[in-house]
């Protein structure tokens, strides 16, 4: 039973990642968020984590690479946004 629970987490993480990416893109496309907001990049980090873990489980290396890099880009963007906000406060 425990092994089944472990194995079933990977598809769930994949779907969470997919939904996070799609939600980020939808909200960006309809103008509800913009690319300078933490929420947009946070959704991309969540998506990248979910889909990277899922792709690792299924040994889908091209998707591991693209989602890992996508996540790194989102993390860098979060860092830049954070630094800009901190700089404005000073």
PDB file of N, CA and C in Angstrom:
ATOM      1  N   UNK A   1       0.821  -1.202   0.000  1.00  0.00           N
ATOM      2  CA  UNK A   1       0.000   0.000   0.000  1.00  0.00           C
ATOM      3  C   UNK A   1       0.857   1.255   0.000  1.00  0.00           C
ATOM      4  N   UNK A   2       1.923   1.253   0.804  1.00  0.00           N
ATOM      5  CA  UNK A   2       2.803   2.420   0.869  1.00  0.00           C
ATOM      6  C   UNK A   2       3.482   2.669  -0.473  1.00  0.00           C
ATOM      7  N   UNK A   3       3.915   1.591  -1.138  1.00  0.00           N
ATOM      8  CA  UNK A   3       4.562   1.718  -2.442  1.00  0.00           C
ATOM      9  C   UNK A   3       3.603   2.315  -3.457  1.00  0.00           C
ATOM     10  N   UNK A   4       2.344   1.923  -3.406  1.00  0.00           N
ATOM     11  CA  UNK A   4       1.342   2.492  -4.307  1.00  0.00           C
ATOM     12  C   UNK A   4       1.205   3.992  -4.065  1.00  0.00           C
ATOM     13  N   UNK A   5       1.191   4.394  -2.805  1.00  0.00           N
ATOM     14  CA  UNK A   5       1.058   5.817  -2.475  1.00  0.00           C
ATOM     15  C   UNK A   5       2.247   6.606  -2.995  1.00  0.00           C
ATOM     16  N   UNK A   6       3.445   6.053  -2.873  1.00  0.00           N
ATOM     17  CA  UNK A   6       4.641   6.727  -3.371  1.00  0.00           C
ATOM     18  C   UNK A   6       4.587   6.852  -4.889  1.00  0.00           C
ATOM     19  N   UNK A   7       4.241   5.770  -5.573  1.00  0.00           N
ATOM     20  CA  UNK A   7       4.190   5.787  -7.038  1.00  0.00           C
ATOM     21  C   UNK A   7       3.086   6.683  -7.582  1.00  0.00           C
ATOM     22  N   UNK A   8       2.010   6.855  -6.833  1.00  0.00           N
ATOM     23  CA  UNK A   8       0.912   7.683  -7.330  1.00  0.00           C
ATOM     24  C   UNK A   8       1.169   9.169  -7.124  1.00  0.00           C
ATOM     25  N   UNK A   9       2.185   9.537  -6.372  1.00  0.00           N
ATOM     26  CA  UNK A   9       2.478  10.951  -6.157  1.00  0.00           C
ATOM     27  C   UNK A   9       3.064  11.610  -7.403  1.00  0.00           C
ATOM     28  N   UNK A  10       3.771  10.857  -8.226  1.00  0.00           N
ATOM     29  CA  UNK A  10       4.428  11.443  -9.400  1.00  0.00           C
ATOM     30  C   UNK A  10       3.448  11.957 -10.447  1.00  0.00           C
ATOM     31  N   UNK A  11       2.407  11.204 -10.782  1.00  0.00           N
ATOM     32  CA  UNK A  11       1.406  11.783 -11.684  1.00  0.00           C
ATOM     33  C   UNK A  11       0.697  12.995 -11.070  1.00  0.00           C
ATOM     34  N   UNK A  12       0.442  12.958  -9.783  1.00  0.00           N
ATOM     35  CA  UNK A  12      -0.209  14.095  -9.117  1.00  0.00           C
ATOM     36  C   UNK A  12       0.688  15.330  -9.209  1.00  0.00           C
ATOM     37  N   UNK A  13       1.979  15.165  -8.937  1.00  0.00           N
ATOM     38  CA  UNK A  13       2.908  16.297  -9.054  1.00  0.00           C
ATOM     39  C   UNK A  13       2.960  16.821 -10.484  1.00  0.00           C
ATOM     40  N   UNK A  14       2.907  15.919 -11.444  1.00  0.00           N
ATOM     41  CA  UNK A  14       2.882  16.337 -12.845  1.00  0.00           C
ATOM     42  C   UNK A  14       1.659  17.178 -13.165  1.00  0.00           C
ATOM     43  N   UNK A  15       0.502  16.763 -12.662  1.00  0.00           N
ATOM     44  CA  UNK A  15      -0.727  17.521 -12.911  1.00  0.00           C
ATOM     45  C   UNK A  15      -0.735  18.856 -12.169  1.00  0.00           C
ATOM     46  N   UNK A  16      -0.207  18.867 -10.959  1.00  0.00           N
ATOM     47  CA  UNK A  16      -0.105  20.141 -10.220  1.00  0.00           C
ATOM     48  C   UNK A  16       0.801  21.105 -10.988  1.00  0.00           C
ATOM     49  N   UNK A  17       1.929  20.596 -11.478  1.00  0.00           N
ATOM     50  CA  UNK A  17       2.832  21.427 -12.267  1.00  0.00           C
ATOM     51  C   UNK A  17       2.176  21.945 -13.536  1.00  0.00           C
ATOM     52  N   UNK A  18       1.466  21.074 -14.216  1.00  0.00           N
ATOM     53  CA  UNK A  18       0.768  21.472 -15.445  1.00  0.00           C
ATOM     54  C   UNK A  18      -0.257  22.559 -15.160  1.00  0.00           C
ATOM     55  N   UNK A  19      -1.055  22.351 -14.117  1.00  0.00           N
ATOM     56  CA  UNK A  19      -2.076  23.348 -13.771  1.00  0.00           C
ATOM     57  C   UNK A  19      -1.457  24.677 -13.366  1.00  0.00           C
ATOM     58  N   UNK A  20      -0.337  24.634 -12.650  1.00  0.00           N
ATOM     59  CA  UNK A  20       0.336  25.870 -12.246  1.00  0.00           C
ATOM     60  C   UNK A  20       0.837  26.635 -13.467  1.00  0.00           C
ATOM     61  N   UNK A  21       1.485  25.933 -14.413  1.00  0.00           N
ATOM     62  CA  UNK A  21       1.945  26.584 -15.647  1.00  0.00           C
ATOM     63  C   UNK A  21       0.788  27.188 -16.427  1.00  0.00           C
ATOM     64  N   UNK A  22      -0.278  26.403 -16.595  1.00  0.00           N
ATOM     65  CA  UNK A  22      -1.420  26.887 -17.367  1.00  0.00           C
ATOM     66  C   UNK A  22      -2.106  28.066 -16.691  1.00  0.00           C
ATOM     67  N   UNK A  23      -2.235  28.009 -15.373  1.00  0.00           N
ATOM     68  CA  UNK A  23      -2.843  29.119 -14.643  1.00  0.00           C
ATOM     69  C   UNK A  23      -1.997  30.386 -14.777  1.00  0.00           C
ATOM     70  N   UNK A  24      -0.682  30.237 -14.655  1.00  0.00           N
ATOM     71  CA  UNK A  24       0.209  31.395 -14.806  1.00  0.00           C
ATOM     72  C   UNK A  24       0.052  32.005 -16.196  1.00  0.00           C
ATOM     73  N   UNK A  25       0.049  31.177 -17.214  1.00  0.00           N
ATOM     74  CA  UNK A  25      -0.059  31.674 -18.585  1.00  0.00           C
ATOM     75  C   UNK A  25      -1.429  32.299 -18.842  1.00  0.00           C
ATOM     76  N   UNK A  26      -2.482  31.661 -18.345  1.00  0.00           N
ATOM     77  CA  UNK A  26      -3.828  32.211 -18.518  1.00  0.00           C
ATOM     78  C   UNK A  26      -3.954  33.578 -17.838  1.00  0.00           C
ATOM     79  N   UNK A  27      -3.541  33.655 -16.577  1.00  0.00           N
ATOM     80  CA  UNK A  27      -3.656  34.925 -15.847  1.00  0.00           C
ATOM     81  C   UNK A  27      -2.815  36.022 -16.497  1.00  0.00           C
ATOM     82  N   UNK A  28      -1.653  35.660 -17.008  1.00  0.00           N
ATOM     83  CA  UNK A  28      -0.814  36.624 -17.726  1.00  0.00           C
ATOM     84  C   UNK A  28      -1.507  37.068 -19.010  1.00  0.00           C
ATOM     85  N   UNK A  29      -2.061  36.129 -19.743  1.00  0.00           N
ATOM     86  CA  UNK A  29      -2.682  36.420 -21.040  1.00  0.00           C
ATOM     87  C   UNK A  29      -3.924  37.292 -20.932  1.00  0.00           C
ATOM     88  N   UNK A  30      -4.684  37.128 -19.863  1.00  0.00           N
ATOM     89  CA  UNK A  30      -5.908  37.934 -19.710  1.00  0.00           C
ATOM     90  C   UNK A  30      -5.665  39.202 -18.903  1.00  0.00           C
ATOM     91  N   UNK A  31      -4.416  39.452 -18.544  1.00  0.00           N
ATOM     92  CA  UNK A  31      -4.072  40.701 -17.869  1.00  0.00           C
ATOM     93  C   UNK A  31      -4.359  40.738 -16.384  1.00  0.00           C
ATOM     94  N   UNK A  32      -4.594  39.606 -15.769  1.00  0.00           N
ATOM     95  CA  UNK A  32      -4.862  39.588 -14.319  1.00  0.00           C
ATOM     96  C   UNK A  32      -3.579  39.695 -13.510  1.00  0.00           C
ATOM     97  N   UNK A  33      -2.477  39.249 -14.074  1.00  0.00           N
ATOM     98  CA  UNK A  33      -1.158  39.404 -13.452  1.00  0.00           C
ATOM     99  C   UNK A  33      -0.188  39.828 -14.544  1.00  0.00           C
ATOM    100  N   UNK A  34       0.980  40.298 -14.136  1.00  0.00           N
ATOM    101  CA  UNK A  34       2.001  40.623 -15.132  1.00  0.00           C
ATOM    102  C   UNK A  34       3.307  39.936 -14.767  1.00  0.00           C
ATOM    103  N   UNK A  35       4.240  39.982 -15.689  1.00  0.00           N
ATOM    104  CA  UNK A  35       5.493  39.240 -15.528  1.00  0.00           C
ATOM    105  C   UNK A  35       6.404  39.827 -14.458  1.00  0.00           C
ATOM    106  N   UNK A  36       6.026  40.938 -13.863  1.00  0.00           N
ATOM    107  CA  UNK A  36       6.832  41.523 -12.786  1.00  0.00           C
ATOM    108  C   UNK A  36       6.271  41.193 -11.403  1.00  0.00           C
ATOM    109  N   UNK A  37       5.271  40.357 -11.360  1.00  0.00           N
ATOM    110  CA  UNK A  37       4.650  40.011 -10.082  1.00  0.00           C
ATOM    111  C   UNK A  37       5.204  38.699  -9.540  1.00  0.00           C
ATOM    112  N   UNK A  38       5.305  38.653  -8.221  1.00  0.00           N
ATOM    113  CA  UNK A  38       5.771  37.436  -7.561  1.00  0.00           C
ATOM    114  C   UNK A  38       4.862  36.249  -7.852  1.00  0.00           C
ATOM    115  N   UNK A  39       3.556  36.492  -7.937  1.00  0.00           N
ATOM    116  CA  UNK A  39       2.608  35.401  -8.146  1.00  0.00           C
ATOM    117  C   UNK A  39       2.855  34.676  -9.468  1.00  0.00           C
ATOM    118  N   UNK A  40       3.188  35.408 -10.517  1.00  0.00           N
ATOM    119  CA  UNK A  40       3.451  34.783 -11.811  1.00  0.00           C
ATOM    120  C   UNK A  40       4.653  33.846 -11.721  1.00  0.00           C
ATOM    121  N   UNK A  41       5.732  34.317 -11.147  1.00  0.00           N
ATOM    122  CA  UNK A  41       6.941  33.509 -11.066  1.00  0.00           C
ATOM    123  C   UNK A  41       6.816  32.388 -10.032  1.00  0.00           C
ATOM    124  N   UNK A  42       6.042  32.621  -8.986  1.00  0.00           N
ATOM    125  CA  UNK A  42       5.797  31.558  -8.009  1.00  0.00           C
ATOM    126  C   UNK A  42       5.036  30.407  -8.656  1.00  0.00           C
ATOM    127  N   UNK A  43       4.035  30.724  -9.455  1.00  0.00           N
ATOM    128  CA  UNK A  43       3.313  29.671 -10.181  1.00  0.00           C
ATOM    129  C   UNK A  43       4.253  28.913 -11.111  1.00  0.00           C
ATOM    130  N   UNK A  44       5.182  29.627 -11.741  1.00  0.00           N
ATOM    131  CA  UNK A  44       6.145  28.960 -12.618  1.00  0.00           C
ATOM    132  C   UNK A  44       7.106  28.070 -11.846  1.00  0.00           C
ATOM    133  N   UNK A  45       7.508  28.473 -10.663  1.00  0.00           N
ATOM    134  CA  UNK A  45       8.373  27.623  -9.834  1.00  0.00           C
ATOM    135  C   UNK A  45       7.620  26.360  -9.428  1.00  0.00           C
ATOM    136  N   UNK A  46       6.374  26.513  -8.997  1.00  0.00           N
ATOM    137  CA  UNK A  46       5.558  25.353  -8.624  1.00  0.00           C
ATOM    138  C   UNK A  46       5.401  24.419  -9.823  1.00  0.00           C
ATOM    139  N   UNK A  47       5.119  24.989 -10.981  1.00  0.00           N
ATOM    140  CA  UNK A  47       4.991  24.181 -12.184  1.00  0.00           C
ATOM    141  C   UNK A  47       6.271  23.452 -12.524  1.00  0.00           C
ATOM    142  N   UNK A  48       7.385  24.154 -12.423  1.00  0.00           N
ATOM    143  CA  UNK A  48       8.681  23.551 -12.745  1.00  0.00           C
ATOM    144  C   UNK A  48       9.017  22.407 -11.794  1.00  0.00           C
ATOM    145  N   UNK A  49       8.755  22.596 -10.524  1.00  0.00           N
ATOM    146  CA  UNK A  49       9.041  21.533  -9.551  1.00  0.00           C
ATOM    147  C   UNK A  49       8.182  20.301  -9.843  1.00  0.00           C
ATOM    148  N   UNK A  50       6.888  20.514 -10.003  1.00  0.00           N
ATOM    149  CA  UNK A  50       5.995  19.393 -10.249  1.00  0.00           C
ATOM    150  C   UNK A  50       6.348  18.628 -11.514  1.00  0.00           C
ATOM    151  N   UNK A  51       6.597  19.348 -12.596  1.00  0.00           N
ATOM    152  CA  UNK A  51       6.880  18.675 -13.857  1.00  0.00           C
ATOM    153  C   UNK A  51       8.294  18.111 -13.926  1.00  0.00           C
ATOM    154  N   UNK A  52       9.234  18.718 -13.231  1.00  0.00           N
ATOM    155  CA  UNK A  52      10.590  18.157 -13.192  1.00  0.00           C
ATOM    156  C   UNK A  52      10.595  16.837 -12.435  1.00  0.00           C
ATOM    157  N   UNK A  53       9.953  16.803 -11.282  1.00  0.00           N
ATOM    158  CA  UNK A  53       9.893  15.564 -10.498  1.00  0.00           C
ATOM    159  C   UNK A  53       9.172  14.473 -11.299  1.00  0.00           C
ATOM    160  N   UNK A  54       8.069  14.835 -11.939  1.00  0.00           N
ATOM    161  CA  UNK A  54       7.335  13.888 -12.758  1.00  0.00           C
ATOM    162  C   UNK A  54       8.203  13.362 -13.905  1.00  0.00           C
ATOM    163  N   UNK A  55       8.912  14.248 -14.582  1.00  0.00           N
ATOM    164  CA  UNK A  55       9.757  13.844 -15.707  1.00  0.00           C
ATOM    165  C   UNK A  55      10.939  12.988 -15.244  1.00  0.00           C
ATOM    166  N   UNK A  56      11.475  13.292 -14.076  1.00  0.00           N
ATOM    167  CA  UNK A  56      12.554  12.458 -13.533  1.00  0.00           C
ATOM    168  C   UNK A  56      12.052  11.040 -13.280  1.00  0.00           C
ATOM    169  N   UNK A  57      10.877  10.927 -12.718  1.00  0.00           N
ATOM    170  CA  UNK A  57      10.303   9.612 -12.426  1.00  0.00           C
ATOM    171  C   UNK A  57      10.139   8.783 -13.699  1.00  0.00           C
ATOM    172  N   UNK A  58       9.699   9.436 -14.760  1.00  0.00           N
ATOM    173  CA  UNK A  58       9.474   8.733 -16.017  1.00  0.00           C
ATOM    174  C   UNK A  58      10.707   8.742 -16.926  1.00  0.00           C
ATOM    175  N   UNK A  59      11.837   9.253 -16.439  1.00  0.00           N
ATOM    176  CA  UNK A  59      13.098   9.319 -17.188  1.00  0.00           C
ATOM    177  C   UNK A  59      12.935  10.043 -18.523  1.00  0.00           C
ATOM    178  N   UNK A  60      12.177  11.125 -18.499  1.00  0.00           N
ATOM    179  CA  UNK A  60      11.946  11.946 -19.686  1.00  0.00           C
ATOM    180  C   UNK A  60      12.917  13.123 -19.629  1.00  0.00           C
ATOM    181  N   UNK A  61      14.152  12.870 -20.040  1.00  0.00           N
ATOM    182  CA  UNK A  61      15.235  13.837 -19.825  1.00  0.00           C
ATOM    183  C   UNK A  61      15.048  15.177 -20.531  1.00  0.00           C
ATOM    184  N   UNK A  62      14.534  15.242 -21.758  1.00  0.00           N
ATOM    185  CA  UNK A  62      14.304  16.565 -22.342  1.00  0.00           C
ATOM    186  C   UNK A  62      13.358  17.420 -21.488  1.00  0.00           C
ATOM    187  N   UNK A  63      12.312  16.801 -20.944  1.00  0.00           N
ATOM    188  CA  UNK A  63      11.393  17.551 -20.078  1.00  0.00           C
ATOM    189  C   UNK A  63      12.016  17.886 -18.734  1.00  0.00           C
ATOM    190  N   UNK A  64      12.896  17.040 -18.231  1.00  0.00           N
ATOM    191  CA  UNK A  64      13.626  17.377 -17.004  1.00  0.00           C
ATOM    192  C   UNK A  64      14.414  18.660 -17.234  1.00  0.00           C
ATOM    193  N   UNK A  65      15.140  18.707 -18.342  1.00  0.00           N
ATOM    194  CA  UNK A  65      16.000  19.862 -18.622  1.00  0.00           C
ATOM    195  C   UNK A  65      15.182  21.133 -18.791  1.00  0.00           C
ATOM    196  N   UNK A  66      14.154  21.093 -19.647  1.00  0.00           N
ATOM    197  CA  UNK A  66      13.393  22.310 -19.921  1.00  0.00           C
ATOM    198  C   UNK A  66      12.674  22.817 -18.670  1.00  0.00           C
ATOM    199  N   UNK A  67      12.121  21.924 -17.877  1.00  0.00           N
ATOM    200  CA  UNK A  67      11.401  22.359 -16.684  1.00  0.00           C
ATOM    201  C   UNK A  67      12.348  22.808 -15.577  1.00  0.00           C
ATOM    202  N   UNK A  68      13.497  22.167 -15.471  1.00  0.00           N
ATOM    203  CA  UNK A  68      14.491  22.598 -14.490  1.00  0.00           C
ATOM    204  C   UNK A  68      14.996  24.004 -14.825  1.00  0.00           C
ATOM    205  N   UNK A  69      15.312  24.235 -16.093  1.00  0.00           N
ATOM    206  CA  UNK A  69      15.787  25.560 -16.515  1.00  0.00           C
ATOM    207  C   UNK A  69      14.681  26.594 -16.363  1.00  0.00           C
ATOM    208  N   UNK A  70      13.447  26.225 -16.706  1.00  0.00           N
ATOM    209  CA  UNK A  70      12.302  27.131 -16.535  1.00  0.00           C
ATOM    210  C   UNK A  70      12.187  27.551 -15.061  1.00  0.00           C
ATOM    211  N   UNK A  71      12.350  26.592 -14.170  1.00  0.00           N
ATOM    212  CA  UNK A  71      12.302  26.889 -12.740  1.00  0.00           C
ATOM    213  C   UNK A  71      13.436  27.797 -12.301  1.00  0.00           C
ATOM    214  N   UNK A  72      14.639  27.560 -12.827  1.00  0.00           N
ATOM    215  CA  UNK A  72      15.774  28.438 -12.494  1.00  0.00           C
ATOM    216  C   UNK A  72      15.517  29.869 -12.954  1.00  0.00           C
ATOM    217  N   UNK A  73      14.958  30.007 -14.148  1.00  0.00           N
ATOM    218  CA  UNK A  73      14.623  31.343 -14.653  1.00  0.00           C
ATOM    219  C   UNK A  73      13.615  32.014 -13.732  1.00  0.00           C
ATOM    220  N   UNK A  74      12.600  31.284 -13.317  1.00  0.00           N
ATOM    221  CA  UNK A  74      11.576  31.848 -12.427  1.00  0.00           C
ATOM    222  C   UNK A  74      12.176  32.229 -11.076  1.00  0.00           C
ATOM    223  N   UNK A  75      13.081  31.402 -10.563  1.00  0.00           N
ATOM    224  CA  UNK A  75      13.734  31.721  -9.288  1.00  0.00           C
ATOM    225  C   UNK A  75      14.586  32.971  -9.431  1.00  0.00           C
ATOM    226  N   UNK A  76      15.315  33.093 -10.542  1.00  0.00           N
ATOM    227  CA  UNK A  76      16.111  34.308 -10.789  1.00  0.00           C
ATOM    228  C   UNK A  76      15.213  35.536 -10.861  1.00  0.00           C
ATOM    229  N   UNK A  77      14.073  35.401 -11.535  1.00  0.00           N
ATOM    230  CA  UNK A  77      13.129  36.517 -11.637  1.00  0.00           C
ATOM    231  C   UNK A  77      12.593  36.904 -10.269  1.00  0.00           C
ATOM    232  N   UNK A  78      12.283  35.922  -9.434  1.00  0.00           N
ATOM    233  CA  UNK A  78      11.821  36.221  -8.071  1.00  0.00           C
ATOM    234  C   UNK A  78      12.888  36.972  -7.298  1.00  0.00           C
ATOM    235  N   UNK A  79      14.130  36.559  -7.457  1.00  0.00           N
ATOM    236  CA  UNK A  79      15.247  37.228  -6.778  1.00  0.00           C
ATOM    237  C   UNK A  79      15.383  38.672  -7.255  1.00  0.00           C
ATOM    238  N   UNK A  80      15.279  38.892  -8.555  1.00  0.00           N
ATOM    239  CA  UNK A  80      15.375  40.252  -9.106  1.00  0.00           C
ATOM    240  C   UNK A  80      14.238  41.122  -8.581  1.00  0.00           C
ATOM    241  N   UNK A  81      13.029  40.595  -8.583  1.00  0.00           N
ATOM    242  CA  UNK A  81      11.873  41.349  -8.081  1.00  0.00           C
ATOM    243  C   UNK A  81      12.068  41.684  -6.605  1.00  0.00           C
ATOM    244  N   UNK A  82      12.514  40.717  -5.842  1.00  0.00           N
ATOM    245  CA  UNK A  82      12.760  40.937  -4.419  1.00  0.00           C
ATOM    246  C   UNK A  82      13.806  42.036  -4.213  1.00  0.00           C
ATOM    247  N   UNK A  83      14.913  41.985  -4.948  1.00  0.00           N
ATOM    248  CA  UNK A  83      15.974  42.993  -4.812  1.00  0.00           C
ATOM    249  C   UNK A  83      15.475  44.383  -5.199  1.00  0.00           C
ATOM    250  N   UNK A  84      14.691  44.464  -6.267  1.00  0.00           N
ATOM    251  CA  UNK A  84      14.153  45.763  -6.690  1.00  0.00           C
ATOM    252  C   UNK A  84      13.222  46.341  -5.634  1.00  0.00           C
ATOM    253  N   UNK A  85      12.386  45.498  -5.058  1.00  0.00           N
ATOM    254  CA  UNK A  85      11.471  45.974  -4.016  1.00  0.00           C
ATOM    255  C   UNK A  85      12.237  46.429  -2.786  1.00  0.00           C
ATOM    256  N   UNK A  86      13.252  45.673  -2.429  1.00  0.00           N
ATOM    257  CA  UNK A  86      14.067  46.034  -1.270  1.00  0.00           C
ATOM    258  C   UNK A  86      14.802  47.352  -1.517  1.00  0.00           C
ATOM    259  N   UNK A  87      15.289  47.533  -2.738  1.00  0.00           N
ATOM    260  CA  UNK A  87      16.006  48.757  -3.101  1.00  0.00           C
ATOM    261  C   UNK A  87      15.073  49.973  -3.040  1.00  0.00           C
ATOM    262  N   UNK A  88      13.822  49.804  -3.487  1.00  0.00           N
ATOM    263  CA  UNK A  88      12.846  50.889  -3.448  1.00  0.00           C
ATOM    264  C   UNK A  88      12.502  51.297  -2.025  1.00  0.00           C
ATOM    265  N   UNK A  89      12.561  50.335  -1.089  1.00  0.00           N
ATOM    266  CA  UNK A  89      12.240  50.626   0.302  1.00  0.00           C
ATOM    267  C   UNK A  89      13.330  51.471   0.963  1.00  0.00           C
ATOM    268  N   UNK A  90      14.540  51.377   0.477  1.00  0.00           N
ATOM    269  CA  UNK A  90      15.666  52.122   1.092  1.00  0.00           C
ATOM    270  C   UNK A  90      15.780  53.513   0.579  1.00  0.00           C
TER     271      UNK A  90
END
